[in-house]
């Protein structure tokens, strides 16, 4: 007899937790594929959301992960941090499979994202207008939510809207 899957179907509670994790995250781990070797590389990035709640970052064109995203827009994001007490694995975390899209620095969209970003990341005022900095939006392709022990979910792009 086959063992039951520990993965639960997405429900409203899981979707709400995902929205909360996305809305509250100020940074994330970003995984990219290194050009040439295809080896994974992980870095920490600042994170916010656009007006539709999609994950967004402000990054420099000089960073290695920007070059990797330009070469291959597939990326992974890990959101959620352990709390101050107890087992760090008991806290919720979200792994997103995404496709990165660079936002043109000229136009109304960039201006709106700039204003929104500075509301949640005021220290970025020091560098947001440097010529090498720009926004990247991450379009979710799917996700795995670990809501704590015994609360694992696989989510589709529709679940993430």
Protein backbone atom coordinates (compact mmCIF):
# COMPACT_ATOMS: atom_id res chain seq x y z
CA UNK A 1 0.00 0.00 0.00
CA UNK A 2 1.38 3.40 -1.00
CA UNK A 3 2.13 5.91 1.73
CA UNK A 4 -0.02 9.04 1.66
CA UNK A 5 1.67 12.12 0.28
CA UNK A 6 2.77 14.70 2.87
CA UNK A 7 1.98 17.42 0.33
CA UNK A 8 -1.45 18.98 0.79
CA UNK A 9 -3.55 20.56 -1.93
CA UNK A 10 -3.45 24.36 -1.84
CA UNK A 11 -6.27 25.85 0.18
CA UNK A 12 -7.34 29.35 1.19
CA UNK A 13 -5.21 29.23 4.34
CA UNK A 14 -2.09 28.35 2.30
CA UNK A 15 -2.85 31.07 -0.25
CA UNK A 16 -3.28 33.64 2.54
CA UNK A 17 0.04 32.60 4.10
CA UNK A 18 1.75 33.01 0.72
CA UNK A 19 0.29 36.51 0.34
CA UNK A 20 1.47 37.40 3.85
CA UNK A 21 4.98 36.07 3.20
CA UNK A 22 5.22 38.03 -0.07
CA UNK A 23 3.83 41.24 1.43
CA UNK A 24 6.10 41.18 4.48
CA UNK A 25 9.38 40.05 2.89
CA UNK A 26 12.07 42.74 2.66
CA UNK A 27 14.75 40.36 1.42
CA UNK A 28 15.05 36.89 -0.09
CA UNK A 29 17.56 34.34 -1.25
CA UNK A 30 17.84 34.42 -5.05
CA UNK A 31 19.08 31.35 -6.92
CA UNK A 32 20.31 31.76 -10.51
CA UNK A 33 22.18 29.62 -13.03
CA UNK A 34 25.76 30.73 -13.64
CA UNK A 35 26.38 31.46 -17.34
CA UNK A 36 28.80 29.02 -18.91
CA UNK A 37 28.83 26.35 -16.22
CA UNK A 38 25.10 26.29 -15.43
CA UNK A 39 26.01 25.83 -11.78
CA UNK A 40 23.57 27.26 -9.27
CA UNK A 41 24.52 30.41 -7.43
CA UNK A 42 22.62 31.91 -4.49
CA UNK A 43 22.70 35.44 -3.15
CA UNK A 44 20.62 37.63 -0.87
CA UNK A 45 18.57 40.41 -2.46
CA UNK A 46 16.27 43.16 -1.28
CA UNK A 47 12.67 42.25 -2.07
CA UNK A 48 9.40 44.06 -2.44
CA UNK A 49 6.27 43.70 -4.53
CA UNK A 50 4.76 45.58 -7.43
CA UNK A 51 1.19 46.88 -7.41
CA UNK A 52 -0.12 43.40 -8.27
CA UNK A 53 1.76 41.72 -5.43
CA UNK A 54 4.41 40.15 -7.67
CA UNK A 55 7.92 39.89 -6.22
CA UNK A 56 10.31 42.62 -7.31
CA UNK A 57 13.91 43.60 -6.65
CA UNK A 58 16.22 46.49 -7.36
CA UNK A 59 19.62 45.28 -8.52
CA UNK A 60 22.80 46.59 -10.06
CA UNK A 61 23.80 45.67 -13.60
CA UNK A 62 27.29 45.15 -12.18
CA UNK A 63 26.24 42.16 -10.04
CA UNK A 64 26.91 38.60 -11.13
CA UNK A 65 23.28 37.61 -10.57
CA UNK A 66 22.09 40.31 -12.99
CA UNK A 67 24.28 38.83 -15.71
CA UNK A 68 23.00 35.38 -14.88
CA UNK A 69 19.35 36.53 -15.10
CA UNK A 70 20.00 38.21 -18.44
CA UNK A 71 21.52 34.98 -19.77
CA UNK A 72 18.76 32.75 -18.34
CA UNK A 73 15.74 34.36 -16.65
CA UNK A 74 14.83 31.24 -14.68
CA UNK A 75 15.34 31.84 -10.97
CA UNK A 76 14.34 30.64 -7.56
CA UNK A 77 13.39 32.77 -4.58
CA UNK A 78 13.27 31.68 -0.94
CA UNK A 79 11.25 33.87 1.43
CA UNK A 80 10.60 33.53 5.14
CA UNK A 81 12.86 33.81 8.13
CA UNK A 82 13.02 31.89 11.37
CA UNK A 83 11.64 33.57 14.44
CA UNK A 84 13.59 34.37 17.58
CA UNK A 85 12.72 31.15 19.45
CA UNK A 86 12.36 27.46 18.84
CA UNK A 87 13.23 25.32 15.86
CA UNK A 88 13.96 27.43 12.76
CA UNK A 89 12.29 24.78 10.60
CA UNK A 90 8.96 25.34 12.36
CA UNK A 91 8.55 28.77 10.72
CA UNK A 92 6.85 29.20 7.32
CA UNK A 93 8.89 29.60 4.16
CA UNK A 94 8.10 29.88 0.49
CA UNK A 95 10.17 28.62 -2.43
CA UNK A 96 9.16 30.23 -5.72
CA UNK A 97 10.08 29.04 -9.21
CA UNK A 98 10.13 32.22 -11.28
CA UNK A 99 10.99 33.89 -14.54
CA UNK A 100 12.71 37.27 -14.25
CA UNK A 101 11.72 40.28 -16.37
CA UNK A 102 13.78 43.47 -16.47
CA UNK A 103 11.80 46.70 -16.28
CA UNK A 104 12.77 49.53 -18.64
CA UNK A 105 14.20 52.47 -16.67
CA UNK A 106 12.33 54.94 -18.88
CA UNK A 107 8.61 55.39 -18.45
CA UNK A 108 5.69 55.49 -16.07
CA UNK A 109 6.08 51.91 -14.86
CA UNK A 110 9.61 52.52 -13.60
CA UNK A 111 8.53 55.76 -11.91
CA UNK A 112 5.66 53.99 -10.12
CA UNK A 113 7.89 51.11 -9.01
CA UNK A 114 10.53 53.60 -7.81
CA UNK A 115 7.99 55.42 -5.63
CA UNK A 116 6.59 52.15 -4.23
CA UNK A 117 10.09 50.78 -3.56
CA UNK A 118 11.17 53.84 -1.63
CA UNK A 119 8.11 53.56 0.63
CA UNK A 120 9.28 50.16 1.86
CA UNK A 121 13.05 50.57 1.31
CA UNK A 122 13.83 54.22 2.19
CA UNK A 123 17.60 53.65 2.43
CA UNK A 124 17.60 52.77 -1.28
CA UNK A 125 17.29 56.51 -1.92
CA UNK A 126 21.11 56.53 -1.72
CA UNK A 127 21.53 54.45 -4.91
CA UNK A 128 18.16 53.91 -6.63
CA UNK A 129 18.93 56.53 -9.30
CA UNK A 130 22.42 55.25 -10.14
CA UNK A 131 22.52 54.38 -13.86
CA UNK A 132 23.37 50.71 -13.22
CA UNK A 133 20.36 50.05 -10.94
CA UNK A 134 17.06 48.76 -12.23
CA UNK A 135 14.04 46.72 -11.29
CA UNK A 136 13.47 43.05 -11.98
CA UNK A 137 10.03 41.51 -11.57
CA UNK A 138 9.75 37.80 -10.83
CA UNK A 139 6.78 36.07 -12.45
CA UNK A 140 5.91 32.99 -10.38
CA UNK A 141 5.73 29.72 -12.31
CA UNK A 142 5.00 27.59 -9.26
CA UNK A 143 5.81 27.35 -5.59
CA UNK A 144 6.36 25.12 -2.62
CA UNK A 145 5.09 26.39 0.72
CA UNK A 146 6.26 24.90 3.97
CA UNK A 147 3.92 26.37 6.56
CA UNK A 148 5.71 24.59 9.42
CA UNK A 149 5.88 20.94 10.40
CA UNK A 150 3.25 18.84 8.59
CA UNK A 151 2.00 21.77 6.50
CA UNK A 152 3.52 21.42 3.02
CA UNK A 153 1.77 22.65 -0.13
CA UNK A 154 2.51 22.84 -3.84
CA UNK A 155 1.00 25.93 -5.46
CA UNK A 156 0.31 26.79 -9.08
CA UNK A 157 0.63 30.26 -10.63
CA UNK A 158 -3.17 30.60 -10.22
CA UNK A 159 -2.81 29.94 -6.46
CA UNK A 160 -0.25 32.75 -6.25
CA UNK A 161 -2.51 35.47 -7.70
